């Protein structure tokens, strides 16, 4: 979401609106066709450079829980 947030901020700062295809959550007005001249002038390259490391990062969290399991061997049947 780093890229989406950066693009949103760039467009808001330059054009006072948000591109309709921007996925970042916001409460701003979308850009109308009348602002196409403005949105096409915005240079978004730095967003992709700035956010590139985040796009390639993967973070995982997990919790490990150990439990004793009893197996009733006498009643265990194998299906074939």
PDB file of N, CA and C in Angstrom:
ATOM      1  N   UNK A   1       0.825  -1.199   0.000  1.00  0.00           N
ATOM      2  CA  UNK A   1       0.000   0.000   0.000  1.00  0.00           C
ATOM      3  C   UNK A   1       0.864   1.255   0.000  1.00  0.00           C
ATOM      4  N   UNK A   2       2.145   1.115   0.140  1.00  0.00           N
ATOM      5  CA  UNK A   2       3.038   2.272   0.144  1.00  0.00           C
ATOM      6  C   UNK A   2       2.904   3.061  -1.153  1.00  0.00           C
ATOM      7  N   UNK A   3       2.905   2.366  -2.271  1.00  0.00           N
ATOM      8  CA  UNK A   3       2.807   3.046  -3.568  1.00  0.00           C
ATOM      9  C   UNK A   3       1.469   3.755  -3.690  1.00  0.00           C
ATOM     10  N   UNK A   4       0.395   3.085  -3.310  1.00  0.00           N
ATOM     11  CA  UNK A   4      -0.935   3.694  -3.408  1.00  0.00           C
ATOM     12  C   UNK A   4      -1.040   4.945  -2.545  1.00  0.00           C
ATOM     13  N   UNK A   5      -0.501   4.883  -1.330  1.00  0.00           N
ATOM     14  CA  UNK A   5      -0.544   6.049  -0.444  1.00  0.00           C
ATOM     15  C   UNK A   5       0.291   7.195  -1.012  1.00  0.00           C
ATOM     16  N   UNK A   6       1.444   6.884  -1.541  1.00  0.00           N
ATOM     17  CA  UNK A   6       2.319   7.898  -2.127  1.00  0.00           C
ATOM     18  C   UNK A   6       1.647   8.561  -3.333  1.00  0.00           C
ATOM     19  N   UNK A   7       1.050   7.763  -4.201  1.00  0.00           N
ATOM     20  CA  UNK A   7       0.351   8.306  -5.372  1.00  0.00           C
ATOM     21  C   UNK A   7      -0.815   9.183  -4.927  1.00  0.00           C
ATOM     22  N   UNK A   8      -1.555   8.741  -3.923  1.00  0.00           N
ATOM     23  CA  UNK A   8      -2.656   9.538  -3.387  1.00  0.00           C
ATOM     24  C   UNK A   8      -2.137  10.895  -2.905  1.00  0.00           C
ATOM     25  N   UNK A   9      -1.063  10.882  -2.124  1.00  0.00           N
ATOM     26  CA  UNK A   9      -0.506  12.131  -1.599  1.00  0.00           C
ATOM     27  C   UNK A   9      -0.001  13.037  -2.711  1.00  0.00           C
ATOM     28  N   UNK A  10       0.666  12.463  -3.708  1.00  0.00           N
ATOM     29  CA  UNK A  10       1.163  13.258  -4.832  1.00  0.00           C
ATOM     30  C   UNK A  10       0.022  13.927  -5.587  1.00  0.00           C
ATOM     31  N   UNK A  11      -1.024  13.167  -5.848  1.00  0.00           N
ATOM     32  CA  UNK A  11      -2.160  13.703  -6.600  1.00  0.00           C
ATOM     33  C   UNK A  11      -2.913  14.742  -5.777  1.00  0.00           C
ATOM     34  N   UNK A  12      -3.082  14.474  -4.486  1.00  0.00           N
ATOM     35  CA  UNK A  12      -3.756  15.450  -3.621  1.00  0.00           C
ATOM     36  C   UNK A  12      -2.960  16.754  -3.539  1.00  0.00           C
ATOM     37  N   UNK A  13      -1.656  16.650  -3.375  1.00  0.00           N
ATOM     38  CA  UNK A  13      -0.817  17.843  -3.266  1.00  0.00           C
ATOM     39  C   UNK A  13      -0.798  18.652  -4.560  1.00  0.00           C
ATOM     40  N   UNK A  14      -0.821  17.968  -5.691  1.00  0.00           N
ATOM     41  CA  UNK A  14      -0.727  18.661  -6.978  1.00  0.00           C
ATOM     42  C   UNK A  14      -2.074  19.075  -7.541  1.00  0.00           C
ATOM     43  N   UNK A  15      -3.091  18.221  -7.373  1.00  0.00           N
ATOM     44  CA  UNK A  15      -4.366  18.428  -8.070  1.00  0.00           C
ATOM     45  C   UNK A  15      -5.573  18.542  -7.141  1.00  0.00           C
ATOM     46  N   UNK A  16      -5.374  18.338  -5.848  1.00  0.00           N
ATOM     47  CA  UNK A  16      -6.461  18.394  -4.851  1.00  0.00           C
ATOM     48  C   UNK A  16      -7.566  17.379  -5.114  1.00  0.00           C
ATOM     49  N   UNK A  17      -7.167  16.216  -5.615  1.00  0.00           N
ATOM     50  CA  UNK A  17      -8.124  15.127  -5.847  1.00  0.00           C
ATOM     51  C   UNK A  17      -7.360  13.811  -5.872  1.00  0.00           C
ATOM     52  N   UNK A  18      -8.093  12.701  -5.943  1.00  0.00           N
ATOM     53  CA  UNK A  18      -7.499  11.367  -5.946  1.00  0.00           C
ATOM     54  C   UNK A  18      -7.920  10.648  -7.224  1.00  0.00           C
ATOM     55  N   UNK A  19      -6.968   9.950  -7.832  1.00  0.00           N
ATOM     56  CA  UNK A  19      -7.279   9.177  -9.036  1.00  0.00           C
ATOM     57  C   UNK A  19      -8.348   8.129  -8.721  1.00  0.00           C
ATOM     58  N   UNK A  20      -9.238   7.890  -9.653  1.00  0.00           N
ATOM     59  CA  UNK A  20     -10.342   6.951  -9.410  1.00  0.00           C
ATOM     60  C   UNK A  20      -9.868   5.514  -9.235  1.00  0.00           C
ATOM     61  N   UNK A  21      -8.696   5.186  -9.751  1.00  0.00           N
ATOM     62  CA  UNK A  21      -8.203   3.806  -9.622  1.00  0.00           C
ATOM     63  C   UNK A  21      -7.273   3.618  -8.424  1.00  0.00           C
ATOM     64  N   UNK A  22      -7.173   4.622  -7.552  1.00  0.00           N
ATOM     65  CA  UNK A  22      -6.330   4.514  -6.362  1.00  0.00           C
ATOM     66  C   UNK A  22      -7.029   3.653  -5.312  1.00  0.00           C
ATOM     67  N   UNK A  23      -6.322   2.647  -4.801  1.00  0.00           N
ATOM     68  CA  UNK A  23      -6.906   1.683  -3.860  1.00  0.00           C
ATOM     69  C   UNK A  23      -6.719   2.052  -2.398  1.00  0.00           C
ATOM     70  N   UNK A  24      -5.946   3.099  -2.122  1.00  0.00           N
ATOM     71  CA  UNK A  24      -5.679   3.458  -0.730  1.00  0.00           C
ATOM     72  C   UNK A  24      -6.929   4.087  -0.110  1.00  0.00           C
ATOM     73  N   UNK A  25      -7.321   3.664   1.101  1.00  0.00           N
ATOM     74  CA  UNK A  25      -8.533   4.213   1.742  1.00  0.00           C
ATOM     75  C   UNK A  25      -8.412   5.723   1.971  1.00  0.00           C
ATOM     76  N   UNK A  26      -9.466   6.446   1.640  1.00  0.00           N
ATOM     77  CA  UNK A  26      -9.443   7.904   1.798  1.00  0.00           C
ATOM     78  C   UNK A  26     -10.862   8.454   1.806  1.00  0.00           C
ATOM     79  N   UNK A  27     -10.984   9.723   2.163  1.00  0.00           N
ATOM     80  CA  UNK A  27     -12.268  10.429   2.151  1.00  0.00           C
ATOM     81  C   UNK A  27     -12.188  11.675   1.275  1.00  0.00           C
ATOM     82  N   UNK A  28     -11.333  11.657   0.268  1.00  0.00           N
ATOM     83  CA  UNK A  28     -11.140  12.803  -0.607  1.00  0.00           C
ATOM     84  C   UNK A  28     -11.985  12.671  -1.872  1.00  0.00           C
ATOM     85  N   UNK A  29     -12.108  13.754  -2.592  1.00  0.00           N
ATOM     86  CA  UNK A  29     -12.838  13.744  -3.862  1.00  0.00           C
ATOM     87  C   UNK A  29     -11.989  13.093  -4.947  1.00  0.00           C
ATOM     88  N   UNK A  30     -12.668  12.351  -5.819  1.00  0.00           N
ATOM     89  CA  UNK A  30     -11.984  11.765  -6.965  1.00  0.00           C
ATOM     90  C   UNK A  30     -11.749  12.830  -8.024  1.00  0.00           C
ATOM     91  N   UNK A  31     -10.713  12.625  -8.819  1.00  0.00           N
ATOM     92  CA  UNK A  31     -10.409  13.548  -9.907  1.00  0.00           C
ATOM     93  C   UNK A  31     -11.430  13.369 -11.028  1.00  0.00           C
ATOM     94  N   UNK A  32     -11.863  14.471 -11.575  1.00  0.00           N
ATOM     95  CA  UNK A  32     -12.790  14.453 -12.707  1.00  0.00           C
ATOM     96  C   UNK A  32     -11.976  14.544 -13.998  1.00  0.00           C
ATOM     97  N   UNK A  33     -12.637  14.318 -15.126  1.00  0.00           N
ATOM     98  CA  UNK A  33     -11.945  14.414 -16.410  1.00  0.00           C
ATOM     99  C   UNK A  33     -11.333  15.793 -16.610  1.00  0.00           C
ATOM    100  N   UNK A  34     -11.931  16.797 -16.019  1.00  0.00           N
ATOM    101  CA  UNK A  34     -11.430  18.168 -16.164  1.00  0.00           C
ATOM    102  C   UNK A  34     -10.043  18.338 -15.543  1.00  0.00           C
ATOM    103  N   UNK A  35      -9.665  17.440 -14.635  1.00  0.00           N
ATOM    104  CA  UNK A  35      -8.346  17.550 -13.999  1.00  0.00           C
ATOM    105  C   UNK A  35      -7.310  16.640 -14.651  1.00  0.00           C
ATOM    106  N   UNK A  36      -7.657  16.004 -15.765  1.00  0.00           N
ATOM    107  CA  UNK A  36      -6.709  15.128 -16.463  1.00  0.00           C
ATOM    108  C   UNK A  36      -5.394  15.840 -16.760  1.00  0.00           C
ATOM    109  N   UNK A  37      -5.473  17.108 -17.147  1.00  0.00           N
ATOM    110  CA  UNK A  37      -4.243  17.866 -17.446  1.00  0.00           C
ATOM    111  C   UNK A  37      -3.328  17.908 -16.233  1.00  0.00           C
ATOM    112  N   UNK A  38      -3.901  17.999 -15.066  1.00  0.00           N
ATOM    113  CA  UNK A  38      -3.112  18.068 -13.832  1.00  0.00           C
ATOM    114  C   UNK A  38      -2.531  16.700 -13.474  1.00  0.00           C
ATOM    115  N   UNK A  39      -3.365  15.665 -13.465  1.00  0.00           N
ATOM    116  CA  UNK A  39      -2.902  14.334 -13.043  1.00  0.00           C
ATOM    117  C   UNK A  39      -1.851  13.774 -13.994  1.00  0.00           C
ATOM    118  N   UNK A  40      -1.907  14.154 -15.264  1.00  0.00           N
ATOM    119  CA  UNK A  40      -0.911  13.673 -16.232  1.00  0.00           C
ATOM    120  C   UNK A  40       0.430  14.380 -16.061  1.00  0.00           C
ATOM    121  N   UNK A  41       0.444  15.516 -15.380  1.00  0.00           N
ATOM    122  CA  UNK A  41       1.679  16.271 -15.137  1.00  0.00           C
ATOM    123  C   UNK A  41       2.439  15.749 -13.909  1.00  0.00           C
ATOM    124  N   UNK A  42       1.749  15.021 -13.047  1.00  0.00           N
ATOM    125  CA  UNK A  42       2.361  14.555 -11.792  1.00  0.00           C
ATOM    126  C   UNK A  42       3.370  13.449 -12.095  1.00  0.00           C
ATOM    127  N   UNK A  43       4.553  13.562 -11.505  1.00  0.00           N
ATOM    128  CA  UNK A  43       5.592  12.549 -11.675  1.00  0.00           C
ATOM    129  C   UNK A  43       5.520  11.573 -10.491  1.00  0.00           C
ATOM    130  N   UNK A  44       5.103  10.357 -10.773  1.00  0.00           N
ATOM    131  CA  UNK A  44       4.930   9.346  -9.727  1.00  0.00           C
ATOM    132  C   UNK A  44       6.159   8.446  -9.572  1.00  0.00           C
ATOM    133  N   UNK A  45       7.202   8.690 -10.356  1.00  0.00           N
ATOM    134  CA  UNK A  45       8.382   7.817 -10.352  1.00  0.00           C
ATOM    135  C   UNK A  45       8.972   7.639  -8.960  1.00  0.00           C
ATOM    136  N   UNK A  46       9.060   8.721  -8.199  1.00  0.00           N
ATOM    137  CA  UNK A  46       9.680   8.606  -6.871  1.00  0.00           C
ATOM    138  C   UNK A  46       8.886   7.682  -5.950  1.00  0.00           C
ATOM    139  N   UNK A  47       7.576   7.538  -6.195  1.00  0.00           N
ATOM    140  CA  UNK A  47       6.766   6.615  -5.375  1.00  0.00           C
ATOM    141  C   UNK A  47       7.243   5.180  -5.564  1.00  0.00           C
ATOM    142  N   UNK A  48       7.534   4.817  -6.815  1.00  0.00           N
ATOM    143  CA  UNK A  48       7.970   3.455  -7.097  1.00  0.00           C
ATOM    144  C   UNK A  48       9.386   3.208  -6.582  1.00  0.00           C
ATOM    145  N   UNK A  49      10.230   4.233  -6.630  1.00  0.00           N
ATOM    146  CA  UNK A  49      11.590   4.108  -6.107  1.00  0.00           C
ATOM    147  C   UNK A  49      11.558   4.034  -4.583  1.00  0.00           C
ATOM    148  N   UNK A  50      10.815   4.935  -3.965  1.00  0.00           N
ATOM    149  CA  UNK A  50      10.718   4.997  -2.502  1.00  0.00           C
ATOM    150  C   UNK A  50      10.121   3.718  -1.920  1.00  0.00           C
ATOM    151  N   UNK A  51       9.125   3.165  -2.586  1.00  0.00           N
ATOM    152  CA  UNK A  51       8.385   2.020  -2.040  1.00  0.00           C
ATOM    153  C   UNK A  51       8.892   0.678  -2.533  1.00  0.00           C
ATOM    154  N   UNK A  52       9.858   0.660  -3.406  1.00  0.00           N
ATOM    155  CA  UNK A  52      10.341  -0.595  -3.974  1.00  0.00           C
ATOM    156  C   UNK A  52      10.764  -1.613  -2.921  1.00  0.00           C
ATOM    157  N   UNK A  53      11.576  -1.226  -1.920  1.00  0.00           N
ATOM    158  CA  UNK A  53      11.957  -2.224  -0.906  1.00  0.00           C
ATOM    159  C   UNK A  53      10.750  -2.823  -0.182  1.00  0.00           C
ATOM    160  N   UNK A  54       9.749  -2.006   0.109  1.00  0.00           N
ATOM    161  CA  UNK A  54       8.566  -2.502   0.808  1.00  0.00           C
ATOM    162  C   UNK A  54       7.797  -3.506  -0.046  1.00  0.00           C
ATOM    163  N   UNK A  55       7.816  -3.316  -1.352  1.00  0.00           N
ATOM    164  CA  UNK A  55       7.100  -4.231  -2.247  1.00  0.00           C
ATOM    165  C   UNK A  55       7.736  -5.615  -2.259  1.00  0.00           C
ATOM    166  N   UNK A  56       9.023  -5.686  -1.952  1.00  0.00           N
ATOM    167  CA  UNK A  56       9.724  -6.965  -1.994  1.00  0.00           C
ATOM    168  C   UNK A  56       9.883  -7.601  -0.616  1.00  0.00           C
ATOM    169  N   UNK A  57       9.439  -6.917   0.411  1.00  0.00           N
ATOM    170  CA  UNK A  57       9.571  -7.438   1.773  1.00  0.00           C
ATOM    171  C   UNK A  57       8.394  -8.348   2.116  1.00  0.00           C
ATOM    172  N   UNK A  58       8.699  -9.345   2.910  1.00  0.00           N
ATOM    173  CA  UNK A  58       7.648 -10.243   3.393  1.00  0.00           C
ATOM    174  C   UNK A  58       7.861 -10.448   4.883  1.00  0.00           C
ATOM    175  N   UNK A  59       6.853 -10.143   5.642  1.00  0.00           N
ATOM    176  CA  UNK A  59       6.914 -10.341   7.086  1.00  0.00           C
ATOM    177  C   UNK A  59       5.817 -11.312   7.492  1.00  0.00           C
ATOM    178  N   UNK A  60       6.178 -12.269   8.315  1.00  0.00           N
ATOM    179  CA  UNK A  60       5.213 -13.240   8.796  1.00  0.00           C
ATOM    180  C   UNK A  60       5.260 -13.284  10.316  1.00  0.00           C
ATOM    181  N   UNK A  61       4.112 -13.472  10.916  1.00  0.00           N
ATOM    182  CA  UNK A  61       4.032 -13.705  12.353  1.00  0.00           C
ATOM    183  C   UNK A  61       3.269 -15.002  12.568  1.00  0.00           C
ATOM    184  N   UNK A  62       3.702 -15.754  13.535  1.00  0.00           N
ATOM    185  CA  UNK A  62       2.974 -16.973  13.857  1.00  0.00           C
ATOM    186  C   UNK A  62       3.160 -17.298  15.332  1.00  0.00           C
ATOM    187  N   UNK A  63       2.244 -18.088  15.835  1.00  0.00           N
ATOM    188  CA  UNK A  63       2.310 -18.551  17.211  1.00  0.00           C
ATOM    189  C   UNK A  63       2.373 -20.070  17.174  1.00  0.00           C
ATOM    190  N   UNK A  64       3.295 -20.608  17.889  1.00  0.00           N
ATOM    191  CA  UNK A  64       3.466 -22.052  17.941  1.00  0.00           C
ATOM    192  C   UNK A  64       2.886 -22.558  19.247  1.00  0.00           C
ATOM    193  N   UNK A  65       2.024 -23.554  19.150  1.00  0.00           N
ATOM    194  CA  UNK A  65       1.407 -24.129  20.337  1.00  0.00           C
ATOM    195  C   UNK A  65       1.609 -25.640  20.284  1.00  0.00           C
ATOM    196  N   UNK A  66       2.141 -26.185  21.331  1.00  0.00           N
ATOM    197  CA  UNK A  66       2.345 -27.627  21.398  1.00  0.00           C
ATOM    198  C   UNK A  66       1.270 -28.248  22.268  1.00  0.00           C
ATOM    199  N   UNK A  67       0.756 -29.371  21.806  1.00  0.00           N
ATOM    200  CA  UNK A  67      -0.246 -30.110  22.578  1.00  0.00           C
ATOM    201  C   UNK A  67       0.091 -31.589  22.532  1.00  0.00           C
ATOM    202  N   UNK A  68      -0.184 -32.269  23.624  1.00  0.00           N
ATOM    203  CA  UNK A  68      -0.054 -33.722  23.640  1.00  0.00           C
ATOM    204  C   UNK A  68      -1.313 -34.309  23.023  1.00  0.00           C
ATOM    205  N   UNK A  69      -1.117 -35.264  22.137  1.00  0.00           N
ATOM    206  CA  UNK A  69      -2.253 -35.908  21.477  1.00  0.00           C
ATOM    207  C   UNK A  69      -2.212 -37.391  21.828  1.00  0.00           C
ATOM    208  N   UNK A  70      -3.344 -37.893  22.286  1.00  0.00           N
ATOM    209  CA  UNK A  70      -3.438 -39.319  22.588  1.00  0.00           C
ATOM    210  C   UNK A  70      -4.079 -40.021  21.402  1.00  0.00           C
ATOM    211  N   UNK A  71      -3.508 -41.128  21.041  1.00  0.00           N
ATOM    212  CA  UNK A  71      -4.040 -41.910  19.932  1.00  0.00           C
ATOM    213  C   UNK A  71      -4.492 -43.254  20.480  1.00  0.00           C
ATOM    214  N   UNK A  72      -5.747 -43.563  20.261  1.00  0.00           N
ATOM    215  CA  UNK A  72      -6.290 -44.842  20.713  1.00  0.00           C
ATOM    216  C   UNK A  72      -5.947 -45.876  19.642  1.00  0.00           C
ATOM    217  N   UNK A  73      -4.848 -46.581  19.854  1.00  0.00           N
ATOM    218  CA  UNK A  73      -4.337 -47.514  18.857  1.00  0.00           C
ATOM    219  C   UNK A  73      -5.276 -48.703  18.672  1.00  0.00           C
ATOM    220  N   UNK A  74      -5.933 -49.154  19.719  1.00  0.00           N
ATOM    221  CA  UNK A  74      -6.801 -50.323  19.617  1.00  0.00           C
ATOM    222  C   UNK A  74      -7.986 -50.067  18.691  1.00  0.00           C
ATOM    223  N   UNK A  75      -8.537 -48.877  18.697  1.00  0.00           N
ATOM    224  CA  UNK A  75      -9.707 -48.571  17.875  1.00  0.00           C
ATOM    225  C   UNK A  75      -9.344 -47.932  16.537  1.00  0.00           C
ATOM    226  N   UNK A  76      -8.071 -47.811  16.259  1.00  0.00           N
ATOM    227  CA  UNK A  76      -7.625 -47.186  15.016  1.00  0.00           C
ATOM    228  C   UNK A  76      -7.662 -48.215  13.894  1.00  0.00           C
ATOM    229  N   UNK A  77      -8.383 -47.924  12.844  1.00  0.00           N
ATOM    230  CA  UNK A  77      -8.422 -48.814  11.685  1.00  0.00           C
ATOM    231  C   UNK A  77      -7.920 -48.053  10.475  1.00  0.00           C
ATOM    232  N   UNK A  78      -7.246 -48.771   9.623  1.00  0.00           N
ATOM    233  CA  UNK A  78      -6.691 -48.144   8.427  1.00  0.00           C
ATOM    234  C   UNK A  78      -7.617 -48.405   7.254  1.00  0.00           C
ATOM    235  N   UNK A  79      -7.967 -47.357   6.531  1.00  0.00           N
ATOM    236  CA  UNK A  79      -8.832 -47.515   5.354  1.00  0.00           C
ATOM    237  C   UNK A  79      -7.976 -47.787   4.127  1.00  0.00           C
ATOM    238  N   UNK A  80      -8.482 -48.668   3.299  1.00  0.00           N
ATOM    239  CA  UNK A  80      -7.748 -49.007   2.069  1.00  0.00           C
ATOM    240  C   UNK A  80      -8.587 -48.694   0.871  1.00  0.00           C
TER     241      UNK A  80
END
